PDB file of N, CA and C in Angstrom:
ATOM      1  N   MET A   1       0.852  -1.053   0.061  1.00  0.00           N
ATOM      2  CA  MET A   1       0.039   0.144   0.038  1.00  0.00           C
ATOM      3  C   MET A   1       0.868   1.091   0.065  1.00  0.00           C
ATOM      4  N   ALA A   2       1.975   1.215   0.802  1.00  0.00           N
ATOM      5  CA  ALA A   2       2.784   2.357   0.743  1.00  0.00           C
ATOM      6  C   ALA A   2       3.310   2.762  -0.580  1.00  0.00           C
ATOM      7  N   GLU A   3       3.466   1.599  -1.316  1.00  0.00           N
ATOM      8  CA  GLU A   3       4.088   1.871  -2.700  1.00  0.00           C
ATOM      9  C   GLU A   3       2.926   2.543  -3.712  1.00  0.00           C
ATOM     10  N   LEU A   4       1.825   2.293  -3.236  1.00  0.00           N
ATOM     11  CA  LEU A   4       0.817   3.190  -4.003  1.00  0.00           C
ATOM     12  C   LEU A   4       0.852   4.605  -3.837  1.00  0.00           C
ATOM     13  N   PHE A   5       1.219   4.955  -2.746  1.00  0.00           N
ATOM     14  CA  PHE A   5       1.300   6.414  -2.335  1.00  0.00           C
ATOM     15  C   PHE A   5       2.772   6.885  -2.786  1.00  0.00           C
ATOM     16  N   ASN A   6       3.779   6.215  -2.078  1.00  0.00           N
ATOM     17  CA  ASN A   6       5.123   6.809  -2.212  1.00  0.00           C
ATOM     18  C   ASN A   6       5.693   6.990  -3.636  1.00  0.00           C
ATOM     19  N   ASP A   7       5.297   6.008  -4.532  1.00  0.00           N
ATOM     20  CA  ASP A   7       5.860   6.011  -5.908  1.00  0.00           C
ATOM     21  C   ASP A   7       4.723   6.404  -6.938  1.00  0.00           C
ATOM     22  N   SER A   8       3.620   7.002  -6.322  1.00  0.00           N
ATOM     23  CA  SER A   8       2.462   7.505  -7.092  1.00  0.00           C
ATOM     24  C   SER A   8       2.094   6.392  -8.122  1.00  0.00           C
ATOM     25  N   ASN A   9       2.042   5.076  -7.702  1.00  0.00           N
ATOM     26  CA  ASN A   9       1.686   3.851  -8.481  1.00  0.00           C
ATOM     27  C   ASN A   9       0.345   3.633  -8.135  1.00  0.00           C
ATOM     28  N   LEU A  10      -0.378   4.045  -9.276  1.00  0.00           N
ATOM     29  CA  LEU A  10      -1.901   3.676  -8.908  1.00  0.00           C
ATOM     30  C   LEU A  10      -2.415   2.455  -9.506  1.00  0.00           C
ATOM     31  N   ASN A  11      -1.340   1.421  -9.485  1.00  0.00           N
ATOM     32  CA  ASN A  11      -1.851   0.113 -10.023  1.00  0.00           C
ATOM     33  C   ASN A  11      -2.603  -0.706  -8.859  1.00  0.00           C
ATOM     34  N   SER A  12      -3.716  -0.172  -8.535  1.00  0.00           N
ATOM     35  CA  SER A  12      -4.479  -0.703  -7.310  1.00  0.00           C
ATOM     36  C   SER A  12      -5.094  -2.080  -7.661  1.00  0.00           C
ATOM     37  N   GLU A  13      -4.965  -2.582  -9.008  1.00  0.00           N
ATOM     38  CA  GLU A  13      -5.483  -3.834  -9.426  1.00  0.00           C
ATOM     39  C   GLU A  13      -4.589  -4.883  -8.700  1.00  0.00           C
ATOM     40  N   GLU A  14      -3.385  -4.680  -8.323  1.00  0.00           N
ATOM     41  CA  GLU A  14      -2.695  -5.587  -7.712  1.00  0.00           C
ATOM     42  C   GLU A  14      -2.790  -5.777  -6.306  1.00  0.00           C
ATOM     43  N   TYR A  15      -3.695  -4.784  -5.660  1.00  0.00           N
ATOM     44  CA  TYR A  15      -3.560  -4.679  -4.385  1.00  0.00           C
ATOM     45  C   TYR A  15      -5.178  -4.934  -3.878  1.00  0.00           C
ATOM     46  N   TYR A  16      -6.097  -4.293  -4.487  1.00  0.00           N
ATOM     47  CA  TYR A  16      -7.494  -4.394  -4.147  1.00  0.00           C
ATOM     48  C   TYR A  16      -8.262  -5.495  -5.052  1.00  0.00           C
ATOM     49  N   ALA A  17      -9.271  -5.940  -4.473  1.00  0.00           N
ATOM     50  CA  ALA A  17     -10.145  -6.745  -5.218  1.00  0.00           C
ATOM     51  C   ALA A  17     -11.173  -5.839  -5.885  1.00  0.00           C
ATOM     52  N   GLU A  18     -11.907  -6.343  -6.921  1.00  0.00           N
ATOM     53  CA  GLU A  18     -12.748  -5.657  -7.748  1.00  0.00           C
ATOM     54  C   GLU A  18     -13.760  -5.182  -6.997  1.00  0.00           C
ATOM     55  N   ASN A  19     -14.144  -5.953  -5.960  1.00  0.00           N
ATOM     56  CA  ASN A  19     -15.366  -5.476  -5.076  1.00  0.00           C
ATOM     57  C   ASN A  19     -15.007  -5.105  -3.637  1.00  0.00           C
ATOM     58  N   ALA A  20     -13.555  -4.498  -3.578  1.00  0.00           N
ATOM     59  CA  ALA A  20     -13.201  -3.892  -2.238  1.00  0.00           C
ATOM     60  C   ALA A  20     -13.946  -2.762  -1.903  1.00  0.00           C
ATOM     61  N   ILE A  21     -14.123  -2.574  -0.526  1.00  0.00           N
ATOM     62  CA  ILE A  21     -14.565  -1.313   0.059  1.00  0.00           C
ATOM     63  C   ILE A  21     -13.598  -0.797   1.012  1.00  0.00           C
ATOM     64  N   SER A  22     -13.450   0.422   0.898  1.00  0.00           N
ATOM     65  CA  SER A  22     -12.370   1.035   1.667  1.00  0.00           C
ATOM     66  C   SER A  22     -12.974   2.160   2.518  1.00  0.00           C
ATOM     67  N   PHE A  23     -12.755   2.304   3.846  1.00  0.00           N
ATOM     68  CA  PHE A  23     -13.170   3.209   4.862  1.00  0.00           C
ATOM     69  C   PHE A  23     -12.118   4.132   5.327  1.00  0.00           C
ATOM     70  N   SER A  24     -12.337   5.517   5.046  1.00  0.00           N
ATOM     71  CA  SER A  24     -11.497   6.566   5.377  1.00  0.00           C
ATOM     72  C   SER A  24     -11.982   7.524   6.210  1.00  0.00           C
ATOM     73  N   GLN A  25     -11.129   8.418   6.816  1.00  0.00           N
ATOM     74  CA  GLN A  25     -11.682   9.543   7.612  1.00  0.00           C
ATOM     75  C   GLN A  25     -12.475  10.581   6.653  1.00  0.00           C
ATOM     76  N   ASN A  26     -13.536  11.117   7.196  1.00  0.00           N
ATOM     77  CA  ASN A  26     -14.164  12.176   6.537  1.00  0.00           C
ATOM     78  C   ASN A  26     -14.797  11.867   5.023  1.00  0.00           C
ATOM     79  N   LYS A  27     -14.937  10.552   4.661  1.00  0.00           N
ATOM     80  CA  LYS A  27     -15.478  10.172   3.596  1.00  0.00           C
ATOM     81  C   LYS A  27     -16.456   9.059   3.862  1.00  0.00           C
ATOM     82  N   PRO A  28     -17.533   8.959   2.754  1.00  0.00           N
ATOM     83  CA  PRO A  28     -18.385   7.626   3.006  1.00  0.00           C
ATOM     84  C   PRO A  28     -17.540   6.561   2.382  1.00  0.00           C
ATOM     85  N   PRO A  29     -17.984   5.321   2.537  1.00  0.00           N
ATOM     86  CA  PRO A  29     -17.335   4.137   2.051  1.00  0.00           C
ATOM     87  C   PRO A  29     -17.002   4.386   0.763  1.00  0.00           C
ATOM     88  N   ILE A  30     -15.937   3.853   0.179  1.00  0.00           N
ATOM     89  CA  ILE A  30     -15.512   3.903  -1.275  1.00  0.00           C
ATOM     90  C   ILE A  30     -15.730   2.460  -1.583  1.00  0.00           C
ATOM     91  N   GLU A  31     -16.460   2.154  -2.589  1.00  0.00           N
ATOM     92  CA  GLU A  31     -16.860   0.692  -3.064  1.00  0.00           C
ATOM     93  C   GLU A  31     -16.480   0.648  -4.431  1.00  0.00           C
ATOM     94  N   GLY A  32     -15.389  -0.543  -4.629  1.00  0.00           N
ATOM     95  CA  GLY A  32     -14.963  -0.866  -5.918  1.00  0.00           C
ATOM     96  C   GLY A  32     -13.708  -0.333  -6.275  1.00  0.00           C
ATOM     97  N   ARG A  33     -12.818  -1.458  -6.934  1.00  0.00           N
ATOM     98  CA  ARG A  33     -11.496  -1.073  -7.036  1.00  0.00           C
ATOM     99  C   ARG A  33     -11.218   0.371  -7.899  1.00  0.00           C
ATOM    100  N   LEU A  34     -12.072   0.663  -8.944  1.00  0.00           N
ATOM    101  CA  LEU A  34     -11.882   1.823  -9.697  1.00  0.00           C
ATOM    102  C   LEU A  34     -12.076   3.115  -8.807  1.00  0.00           C
ATOM    103  N   ALA A  35     -13.188   3.010  -7.958  1.00  0.00           N
ATOM    104  CA  ALA A  35     -13.553   4.150  -7.168  1.00  0.00           C
ATOM    105  C   ALA A  35     -12.504   4.346  -6.101  1.00  0.00           C
ATOM    106  N   ILE A  36     -11.785   3.157  -5.596  1.00  0.00           N
ATOM    107  CA  ILE A  36     -10.645   3.392  -4.627  1.00  0.00           C
ATOM    108  C   ILE A  36      -9.458   3.992  -5.362  1.00  0.00           C
ATOM    109  N   ARG A  37      -9.381   3.526  -6.490  1.00  0.00           N
ATOM    110  CA  ARG A  37      -8.109   3.924  -7.273  1.00  0.00           C
ATOM    111  C   ARG A  37      -8.423   5.447  -7.587  1.00  0.00           C
ATOM    112  N   LYS A  38      -9.514   5.872  -7.902  1.00  0.00           N
ATOM    113  CA  LYS A  38      -9.974   7.363  -7.922  1.00  0.00           C
ATOM    114  C   LYS A  38      -9.481   8.225  -6.876  1.00  0.00           C
ATOM    115  N   SER A  39     -10.026   7.547  -5.625  1.00  0.00           N
ATOM    116  CA  SER A  39      -9.853   8.268  -4.327  1.00  0.00           C
ATOM    117  C   SER A  39      -8.281   8.281  -4.110  1.00  0.00           C
ATOM    118  N   ILE A  40      -7.526   7.362  -4.240  1.00  0.00           N
ATOM    119  CA  ILE A  40      -6.217   7.348  -4.018  1.00  0.00           C
ATOM    120  C   ILE A  40      -5.441   8.468  -4.874  1.00  0.00           C
ATOM    121  N   LYS A  41      -5.973   8.483  -6.233  1.00  0.00           N
ATOM    122  CA  LYS A  41      -5.338   9.563  -6.931  1.00  0.00           C
ATOM    123  C   LYS A  41      -5.687  11.131  -6.556  1.00  0.00           C
ATOM    124  N   GLU A  42      -6.808  11.108  -5.977  1.00  0.00           N
ATOM    125  CA  GLU A  42      -7.212  12.540  -5.543  1.00  0.00           C
ATOM    126  C   GLU A  42      -6.372  12.795  -4.093  1.00  0.00           C
ATOM    127  N   ASP A  43      -6.195  11.875  -3.386  1.00  0.00           N
ATOM    128  CA  ASP A  43      -5.285  11.982  -2.099  1.00  0.00           C
ATOM    129  C   ASP A  43      -3.888  12.364  -2.514  1.00  0.00           C
ATOM    130  N   LEU A  44      -3.416  11.636  -3.639  1.00  0.00           N
ATOM    131  CA  LEU A  44      -1.958  12.050  -4.109  1.00  0.00           C
ATOM    132  C   LEU A  44      -1.893  13.274  -4.669  1.00  0.00           C
ATOM    133  N   ALA A  45      -2.817  13.701  -5.155  1.00  0.00           N
ATOM    134  CA  ALA A  45      -2.785  15.121  -5.776  1.00  0.00           C
ATOM    135  C   ALA A  45      -2.852  16.405  -4.607  1.00  0.00           C
ATOM    136  N   ASN A  46      -3.101  15.949  -3.456  1.00  0.00           N
ATOM    137  CA  ASN A  46      -3.021  16.894  -2.250  1.00  0.00           C
ATOM    138  C   ASN A  46      -1.880  16.552  -1.371  1.00  0.00           C
ATOM    139  N   PHE A  47      -1.044  15.313  -1.602  1.00  0.00           N
ATOM    140  CA  PHE A  47       0.065  15.022  -0.798  1.00  0.00           C
ATOM    141  C   PHE A  47       1.237  15.789  -1.344  1.00  0.00           C
ATOM    142  N   PRO A  48       1.796  16.456  -0.475  1.00  0.00           N
ATOM    143  CA  PRO A  48       3.022  17.491  -0.888  1.00  0.00           C
ATOM    144  C   PRO A  48       4.144  16.594  -1.305  1.00  0.00           C
ATOM    145  N   ASN A  49       5.063  16.989  -2.277  1.00  0.00           N
ATOM    146  CA  ASN A  49       6.153  16.394  -2.866  1.00  0.00           C
ATOM    147  C   ASN A  49       7.035  16.081  -1.756  1.00  0.00           C
ATOM    148  N   GLY A  50       7.657  15.042  -1.724  1.00  0.00           N
ATOM    149  CA  GLY A  50       8.686  14.582  -0.640  1.00  0.00           C
ATOM    150  C   GLY A  50       8.003  13.811   0.357  1.00  0.00           C
ATOM    151  N   TYR A  51       6.732  14.000   0.801  1.00  0.00           N
ATOM    152  CA  TYR A  51       6.071  13.325   1.714  1.00  0.00           C
ATOM    153  C   TYR A  51       5.926  11.788   1.495  1.00  0.00           C
ATOM    154  N   LYS A  52       6.183  11.127   2.705  1.00  0.00           N
ATOM    155  CA  LYS A  52       6.216   9.434   2.503  1.00  0.00           C
ATOM    156  C   LYS A  52       5.409   9.029   3.654  1.00  0.00           C
ATOM    157  N   ILE A  53       4.743   8.020   3.211  1.00  0.00           N
ATOM    158  CA  ILE A  53       3.936   7.267   4.215  1.00  0.00           C
ATOM    159  C   ILE A  53       4.568   5.867   4.405  1.00  0.00           C
ATOM    160  N   ALA A  54       4.491   5.335   5.820  1.00  0.00           N
ATOM    161  CA  ALA A  54       5.071   4.217   5.994  1.00  0.00           C
ATOM    162  C   ALA A  54       4.071   3.409   6.924  1.00  0.00           C
ATOM    163  N   PHE A  55       3.735   1.983   6.569  1.00  0.00           N
ATOM    164  CA  PHE A  55       2.723   1.236   7.224  1.00  0.00           C
ATOM    165  C   PHE A  55       3.590   0.197   8.228  1.00  0.00           C
ATOM    166  N   VAL A  56       3.293  -0.041   9.231  1.00  0.00           N
ATOM    167  CA  VAL A  56       3.899  -1.052  10.217  1.00  0.00           C
ATOM    168  C   VAL A  56       2.892  -1.974  10.469  1.00  0.00           C
ATOM    169  N   VAL A  57       2.936  -3.295  10.214  1.00  0.00           N
ATOM    170  CA  VAL A  57       1.904  -4.242  10.534  1.00  0.00           C
ATOM    171  C   VAL A  57       2.281  -4.829  12.046  1.00  0.00           C
ATOM    172  N   ASN A  58       1.420  -4.678  12.859  1.00  0.00           N
ATOM    173  CA  ASN A  58       1.597  -5.124  14.330  1.00  0.00           C
ATOM    174  C   ASN A  58       1.097  -6.596  14.500  1.00  0.00           C
ATOM    175  N   GLU A  59      -0.002  -6.840  13.767  1.00  0.00           N
ATOM    176  CA  GLU A  59      -0.714  -8.175  14.054  1.00  0.00           C
ATOM    177  C   GLU A  59      -0.972  -8.667  12.716  1.00  0.00           C
ATOM    178  N   VAL A  60      -0.969  -9.932  12.473  1.00  0.00           N
ATOM    179  CA  VAL A  60      -1.377 -10.657  11.361  1.00  0.00           C
ATOM    180  C   VAL A  60      -2.265 -12.096  11.922  1.00  0.00           C
ATOM    181  N   HIS A  61      -3.572 -11.955  11.337  1.00  0.00           N
ATOM    182  CA  HIS A  61      -4.369 -13.175  11.842  1.00  0.00           C
ATOM    183  C   HIS A  61      -4.927 -13.880  10.687  1.00  0.00           C
ATOM    184  N   PRO A  62      -4.277 -14.891  10.219  1.00  0.00           N
ATOM    185  CA  PRO A  62      -4.745 -15.719   9.194  1.00  0.00           C
ATOM    186  C   PRO A  62      -5.905 -16.642   9.644  1.00  0.00           C
ATOM    187  N   SER A  63      -6.844 -16.826   8.811  1.00  0.00           N
ATOM    188  CA  SER A  63      -8.044 -17.630   9.045  1.00  0.00           C
ATOM    189  C   SER A  63      -7.416 -19.112   9.066  1.00  0.00           C
ATOM    190  N   ASN A  64      -7.966 -20.049   9.569  1.00  0.00           N
ATOM    191  CA  ASN A  64      -7.677 -21.508   9.772  1.00  0.00           C
ATOM    192  C   ASN A  64      -7.413 -22.017   8.425  1.00  0.00           C
ATOM    193  N   ASP A  65      -8.275 -21.790   7.454  1.00  0.00           N
ATOM    194  CA  ASP A  65      -8.086 -22.295   6.205  1.00  0.00           C
ATOM    195  C   ASP A  65      -7.239 -21.613   5.225  1.00  0.00           C
ATOM    196  N   GLY A  66      -6.535 -20.418   5.706  1.00  0.00           N
ATOM    197  CA  GLY A  66      -5.856 -19.774   4.931  1.00  0.00           C
ATOM    198  C   GLY A  66      -6.258 -18.757   3.826  1.00  0.00           C
ATOM    199  N   ILE A  67      -7.737 -18.834   3.718  1.00  0.00           N
ATOM    200  CA  ILE A  67      -8.307 -17.977   2.559  1.00  0.00           C
ATOM    201  C   ILE A  67      -8.324 -16.641   3.055  1.00  0.00           C
ATOM    202  N   GLN A  68      -8.313 -16.127   4.287  1.00  0.00           N
ATOM    203  CA  GLN A  68      -8.456 -14.644   4.701  1.00  0.00           C
ATOM    204  C   GLN A  68      -7.331 -14.350   5.683  1.00  0.00           C
ATOM    205  N   VAL A  69      -6.830 -13.275   5.636  1.00  0.00           N
ATOM    206  CA  VAL A  69      -5.738 -12.692   6.553  1.00  0.00           C
ATOM    207  C   VAL A  69      -6.317 -11.327   6.893  1.00  0.00           C
ATOM    208  N   VAL A  70      -6.139 -11.107   8.157  1.00  0.00           N
ATOM    209  CA  VAL A  70      -6.254  -9.772   8.671  1.00  0.00           C
ATOM    210  C   VAL A  70      -5.121  -9.202   9.140  1.00  0.00           C
ATOM    211  N   GLU A  71      -4.813  -7.898   8.623  1.00  0.00           N
ATOM    212  CA  GLU A  71      -3.525  -7.117   9.255  1.00  0.00           C
ATOM    213  C   GLU A  71      -4.103  -5.890   9.913  1.00  0.00           C
ATOM    214  N   ILE A  72      -3.409  -5.865  11.027  1.00  0.00           N
ATOM    215  CA  ILE A  72      -3.667  -4.516  12.103  1.00  0.00           C
ATOM    216  C   ILE A  72      -2.332  -3.970  12.296  1.00  0.00           C
ATOM    217  N   GLY A  73      -2.317  -2.462  12.218  1.00  0.00           N
ATOM    218  CA  GLY A  73      -1.219  -1.884  12.214  1.00  0.00           C
ATOM    219  C   GLY A  73      -1.277  -0.442  12.393  1.00  0.00           C
ATOM    220  N   HIS A  74      -0.246   0.331  12.088  1.00  0.00           N
ATOM    221  CA  HIS A  74      -0.304   1.604  12.072  1.00  0.00           C
ATOM    222  C   HIS A  74       0.461   2.347  11.113  1.00  0.00           C
ATOM    223  N   TYR A  75       0.360   3.749  10.746  1.00  0.00           N
ATOM    224  CA  TYR A  75       0.959   4.250   9.686  1.00  0.00           C
ATOM    225  C   TYR A  75       1.514   5.616  10.278  1.00  0.00           C
ATOM    226  N   ARG A  76       2.677   6.127   9.323  1.00  0.00           N
ATOM    227  CA  ARG A  76       3.140   7.590   9.884  1.00  0.00           C
ATOM    228  C   ARG A  76       3.549   8.042   8.396  1.00  0.00           C
ATOM    229  N   VAL A  77       2.853   9.490   8.401  1.00  0.00           N
ATOM    230  CA  VAL A  77       3.376  10.351   7.390  1.00  0.00           C
ATOM    231  C   VAL A  77       4.602  11.196   7.731  1.00  0.00           C
ATOM    232  N   SER A  78       5.505  11.289   6.857  1.00  0.00           N
ATOM    233  CA  SER A  78       6.821  12.155   7.069  1.00  0.00           C
ATOM    234  C   SER A  78       7.016  13.076   6.119  1.00  0.00           C
ATOM    235  N   ASP A  79       7.629  14.099   6.288  1.00  0.00           N
ATOM    236  CA  ASP A  79       7.982  15.190   5.296  1.00  0.00           C
ATOM    237  C   ASP A  79       9.051  14.606   4.550  1.00  0.00           C
ATOM    238  N   PHE A  80       9.690  15.483   3.622  1.00  0.00           N
ATOM    239  CA  PHE A  80      10.994  15.269   2.804  1.00  0.00           C
ATOM    240  C   PHE A  80      12.025  15.006   3.532  1.00  0.00           C
ATOM    241  N   VAL A  81      12.170  15.551   5.156  1.00  0.00           N
ATOM    242  CA  VAL A  81      13.450  15.231   5.663  1.00  0.00           C
ATOM    243  C   VAL A  81      13.100  14.181   6.743  1.00  0.00           C
ATOM    244  N   SER A  82      11.975  13.450   6.638  1.00  0.00           N
ATOM    245  CA  SER A  82      11.760  12.404   7.596  1.00  0.00           C
ATOM    246  C   SER A  82      11.165  12.785   8.903  1.00  0.00           C
ATOM    247  N   THR A  83      10.797  14.152   9.052  1.00  0.00           N
ATOM    248  CA  THR A  83      10.000  14.436  10.395  1.00  0.00           C
ATOM    249  C   THR A  83       8.620  13.938  10.239  1.00  0.00           C
ATOM    250  N   PRO A  84       8.243  13.123  11.450  1.00  0.00           N
ATOM    251  CA  PRO A  84       6.901  12.767  11.341  1.00  0.00           C
ATOM    252  C   PRO A  84       5.929  13.806  11.564  1.00  0.00           C
ATOM    253  N   LEU A  85       4.896  13.756  10.590  1.00  0.00           N
ATOM    254  CA  LEU A  85       3.764  14.905  10.813  1.00  0.00           C
ATOM    255  C   LEU A  85       2.624  14.426  11.326  1.00  0.00           C
ATOM    256  N   TYR A  86       2.175  13.086  10.937  1.00  0.00           N
ATOM    257  CA  TYR A  86       0.990  12.602  11.637  1.00  0.00           C
ATOM    258  C   TYR A  86       0.998  11.075  11.616  1.00  0.00           C
ATOM    259  N   THR A  87       0.319  10.533  12.479  1.00  0.00           N
ATOM    260  CA  THR A  87      -0.061   8.948  12.550  1.00  0.00           C
ATOM    261  C   THR A  87      -1.330   8.408  12.572  1.00  0.00           C
ATOM    262  N   GLY A  88      -1.453   7.252  12.377  1.00  0.00           N
ATOM    263  CA  GLY A  88      -2.763   6.621  12.451  1.00  0.00           C
ATOM    264  C   GLY A  88      -2.855   5.254  12.583  1.00  0.00           C
ATOM    265  N   ASN A  89      -3.746   4.654  12.471  1.00  0.00           N
ATOM    266  CA  ASN A  89      -4.033   2.961  12.627  1.00  0.00           C
ATOM    267  C   ASN A  89      -4.721   2.570  11.437  1.00  0.00           C
ATOM    268  N   PHE A  90      -4.673   1.150  11.142  1.00  0.00           N
ATOM    269  CA  PHE A  90      -5.332   0.699  10.061  1.00  0.00           C
ATOM    270  C   PHE A  90      -5.768  -0.777  10.242  1.00  0.00           C
ATOM    271  N   ILE A  91      -6.555  -1.268   9.553  1.00  0.00           N
ATOM    272  CA  ILE A  91      -6.967  -2.699   9.535  1.00  0.00           C
ATOM    273  C   ILE A  91      -7.233  -2.821   8.149  1.00  0.00           C
ATOM    274  N   ALA A  92      -6.853  -4.049   7.756  1.00  0.00           N
ATOM    275  CA  ALA A  92      -7.001  -4.658   6.113  1.00  0.00           C
ATOM    276  C   ALA A  92      -7.494  -5.996   6.226  1.00  0.00           C
ATOM    277  N   VAL A  93      -8.459  -6.467   5.513  1.00  0.00           N
ATOM    278  CA  VAL A  93      -8.864  -7.789   5.397  1.00  0.00           C
ATOM    279  C   VAL A  93      -8.553  -8.210   3.819  1.00  0.00           C
ATOM    280  N   PHE A  94      -7.674  -9.321   3.762  1.00  0.00           N
ATOM    281  CA  PHE A  94      -7.249  -9.956   2.446  1.00  0.00           C
ATOM    282  C   PHE A  94      -7.939 -11.220   2.306  1.00  0.00           C
ATOM    283  N   GLU A  95      -8.301 -11.564   1.133  1.00  0.00           N
ATOM    284  CA  GLU A  95      -8.648 -12.889   0.649  1.00  0.00           C
ATOM    285  C   GLU A  95      -7.962 -13.381  -0.533  1.00  0.00           C
ATOM    286  N   LYS A  96      -7.881 -14.758  -0.470  1.00  0.00           N
ATOM    287  CA  LYS A  96      -7.124 -15.205  -1.361  1.00  0.00           C
ATOM    288  C   LYS A  96      -7.894 -15.763  -2.470  1.00  0.00           C
ATOM    289  N   ARG A  97      -7.618 -14.994  -3.864  1.00  0.00           N
ATOM    290  CA  ARG A  97      -8.391 -15.162  -4.969  1.00  0.00           C
ATOM    291  C   ARG A  97      -7.380 -15.571  -6.088  1.00  0.00           C
ATOM    292  N   GLU A  98      -7.686 -16.728  -6.852  1.00  0.00           N
ATOM    293  CA  GLU A  98      -6.757 -17.276  -7.969  1.00  0.00           C
ATOM    294  C   GLU A  98      -5.230 -17.245  -7.478  1.00  0.00           C
ATOM    295  N   GLY A  99      -5.148 -17.802  -6.333  1.00  0.00           N
ATOM    296  CA  GLY A  99      -3.732 -17.998  -5.747  1.00  0.00           C
ATOM    297  C   GLY A  99      -3.023 -16.575  -5.160  1.00  0.00           C
ATOM    298  N   LYS A 100      -3.836 -15.585  -5.179  1.00  0.00           N
ATOM    299  CA  LYS A 100      -3.158 -14.344  -4.731  1.00  0.00           C
ATOM    300  C   LYS A 100      -3.915 -13.647  -3.637  1.00  0.00           C
ATOM    301  N   TYR A 101      -3.445 -13.100  -2.726  1.00  0.00           N
ATOM    302  CA  TYR A 101      -4.147 -12.308  -1.785  1.00  0.00           C
ATOM    303  C   TYR A 101      -4.480 -10.840  -2.068  1.00  0.00           C
ATOM    304  N   VAL A 102      -5.670 -10.545  -2.161  1.00  0.00           N
ATOM    305  CA  VAL A 102      -6.038  -9.190  -2.428  1.00  0.00           C
ATOM    306  C   VAL A 102      -6.882  -8.605  -1.296  1.00  0.00           C
ATOM    307  N   CYS A 103      -6.733  -7.266  -1.021  1.00  0.00           N
ATOM    308  CA  CYS A 103      -7.561  -6.591  -0.075  1.00  0.00           C
ATOM    309  C   CYS A 103      -8.948  -6.387  -0.504  1.00  0.00           C
ATOM    310  N   ILE A 104      -9.876  -6.958   0.474  1.00  0.00           N
ATOM    311  CA  ILE A 104     -11.429  -6.825   0.313  1.00  0.00           C
ATOM    312  C   ILE A 104     -11.914  -5.775   1.127  1.00  0.00           C
ATOM    313  N   ARG A 105     -11.286  -5.349   2.321  1.00  0.00           N
ATOM    314  CA  ARG A 105     -11.884  -4.336   3.055  1.00  0.00           C
ATOM    315  C   ARG A 105     -10.542  -3.653   3.590  1.00  0.00           C
ATOM    316  N   ASP A 106     -10.676  -2.215   3.840  1.00  0.00           N
ATOM    317  CA  ASP A 106      -9.657  -1.762   4.827  1.00  0.00           C
ATOM    318  C   ASP A 106     -10.229  -0.372   5.287  1.00  0.00           C
ATOM    319  N   MET A 107      -9.642  -0.007   6.343  1.00  0.00           N
ATOM    320  CA  MET A 107     -10.048   0.978   7.221  1.00  0.00           C
ATOM    321  C   MET A 107      -8.932   1.689   7.709  1.00  0.00           C
ATOM    322  N   SER A 108      -9.071   3.122   7.914  1.00  0.00           N
ATOM    323  CA  SER A 108      -7.838   3.845   8.683  1.00  0.00           C
ATOM    324  C   SER A 108      -8.500   4.862   9.391  1.00  0.00           C
ATOM    325  N   ALA A 109      -7.844   5.133  10.456  1.00  0.00           N
ATOM    326  CA  ALA A 109      -8.139   6.181  11.412  1.00  0.00           C
ATOM    327  C   ALA A 109      -6.928   6.991  11.961  1.00  0.00           C
ATOM    328  N   SER A 110      -7.049   8.276  11.734  1.00  0.00           N
ATOM    329  CA  SER A 110      -6.009   9.025  12.108  1.00  0.00           C
ATOM    330  C   SER A 110      -5.954   9.221  13.559  1.00  0.00           C
ATOM    331  N   ASP A 111      -4.613   9.601  14.113  1.00  0.00           N
ATOM    332  CA  ASP A 111      -4.642   9.953  15.473  1.00  0.00           C
ATOM    333  C   ASP A 111      -4.704  11.522  15.833  1.00  0.00           C
ATOM    334  N   ARG A 112      -4.912  12.306  14.788  1.00  0.00           N
ATOM    335  CA  ARG A 112      -4.968  13.716  14.841  1.00  0.00           C
ATOM    336  C   ARG A 112      -6.246  13.902  15.816  1.00  0.00           C
ATOM    337  N   PRO A 113      -6.212  15.039  16.544  1.00  0.00           N
ATOM    338  CA  PRO A 113      -7.342  15.355  17.564  1.00  0.00           C
ATOM    339  C   PRO A 113      -8.590  15.970  16.482  1.00  0.00           C
ATOM    340  N   ARG A 114      -9.705  15.598  16.933  1.00  0.00           N
ATOM    341  CA  ARG A 114     -10.711  16.195  16.089  1.00  0.00           C
ATOM    342  C   ARG A 114     -10.896  17.699  16.027  1.00  0.00           C
ATOM    343  N   LEU A 115     -11.355  18.410  15.146  1.00  0.00           N
ATOM    344  CA  LEU A 115     -11.273  19.882  15.062  1.00  0.00           C
ATOM    345  C   LEU A 115     -12.183  20.552  16.262  1.00  0.00           C
ATOM    346  N   GLU A 116     -13.260  19.834  16.542  1.00  0.00           N
ATOM    347  CA  GLU A 116     -14.180  20.172  17.566  1.00  0.00           C
ATOM    348  C   GLU A 116     -13.372  20.320  18.830  1.00  0.00           C
ATOM    349  N   SER A 117     -12.416  19.328  19.199  1.00  0.00           N
ATOM    350  CA  SER A 117     -11.721  19.157  20.416  1.00  0.00           C
ATOM    351  C   SER A 117     -10.688  20.386  20.435  1.00  0.00           C
ATOM    352  N   LYS A 118     -10.154  20.823  19.450  1.00  0.00           N
ATOM    353  CA  LYS A 118      -9.233  22.043  19.444  1.00  0.00           C
ATOM    354  C   LYS A 118      -9.987  23.224  19.833  1.00  0.00           C
ATOM    355  N   VAL A 119     -11.151  23.344  19.025  1.00  0.00           N
ATOM    356  CA  VAL A 119     -12.030  24.599  19.234  1.00  0.00           C
ATOM    357  C   VAL A 119     -12.492  24.661  20.705  1.00  0.00           C
ATOM    358  N   LYS A 120     -12.878  23.503  21.221  1.00  0.00           N
ATOM    359  CA  LYS A 120     -13.352  23.453  22.668  1.00  0.00           C
ATOM    360  C   LYS A 120     -12.222  23.730  23.624  1.00  0.00           C
ATOM    361  N   ASP A 121     -11.116  23.230  23.304  1.00  0.00           N
ATOM    362  CA  ASP A 121      -9.912  23.516  24.263  1.00  0.00           C
ATOM    363  C   ASP A 121      -9.553  25.082  24.173  1.00  0.00           C
ATOM    364  N   LYS A 122      -9.582  25.697  22.941  1.00  0.00           N
ATOM    365  CA  LYS A 122      -9.286  27.124  23.097  1.00  0.00           C
ATOM    366  C   LYS A 122     -10.211  27.916  23.764  1.00  0.00           C
ATOM    367  N   LYS A 123     -11.328  27.547  23.810  1.00  0.00           N
ATOM    368  CA  LYS A 123     -12.629  28.387  24.537  1.00  0.00           C
ATOM    369  C   LYS A 123     -12.391  28.141  26.086  1.00  0.00           C
ATOM    370  N   GLU A 124     -11.858  27.078  26.515  1.00  0.00           N
ATOM    371  CA  GLU A 124     -11.848  26.982  28.089  1.00  0.00           C
ATOM    372  C   GLU A 124     -10.515  27.328  28.622  1.00  0.00           C
TER     373      GLU A 124
END
């Protein structure tokens, strides 16, 4: 997934299943590989040059039959000199199709405080 962002490689066909659904912050669920690809492309257009994202998988949970795998981890976005800018967490579900694992569902959540919390803190 990091390669999709860091190399502007929009070849989501290798990562997502045709009927995948992706859940992100401040967006409705994105359904289908093509819609996910479009969303990634839009995100990349707003991603400053030199910024990189790194994913760290903390847990891997394969199903007993090996058909599905769940990954749980965190991510970090850094600027062009590797200064961490923000972090978050993710979960991804993969399914083995035609001998290859593809993502069928993923979700991410930023660690950034909500805007309402910042406004509330300033008032107090």
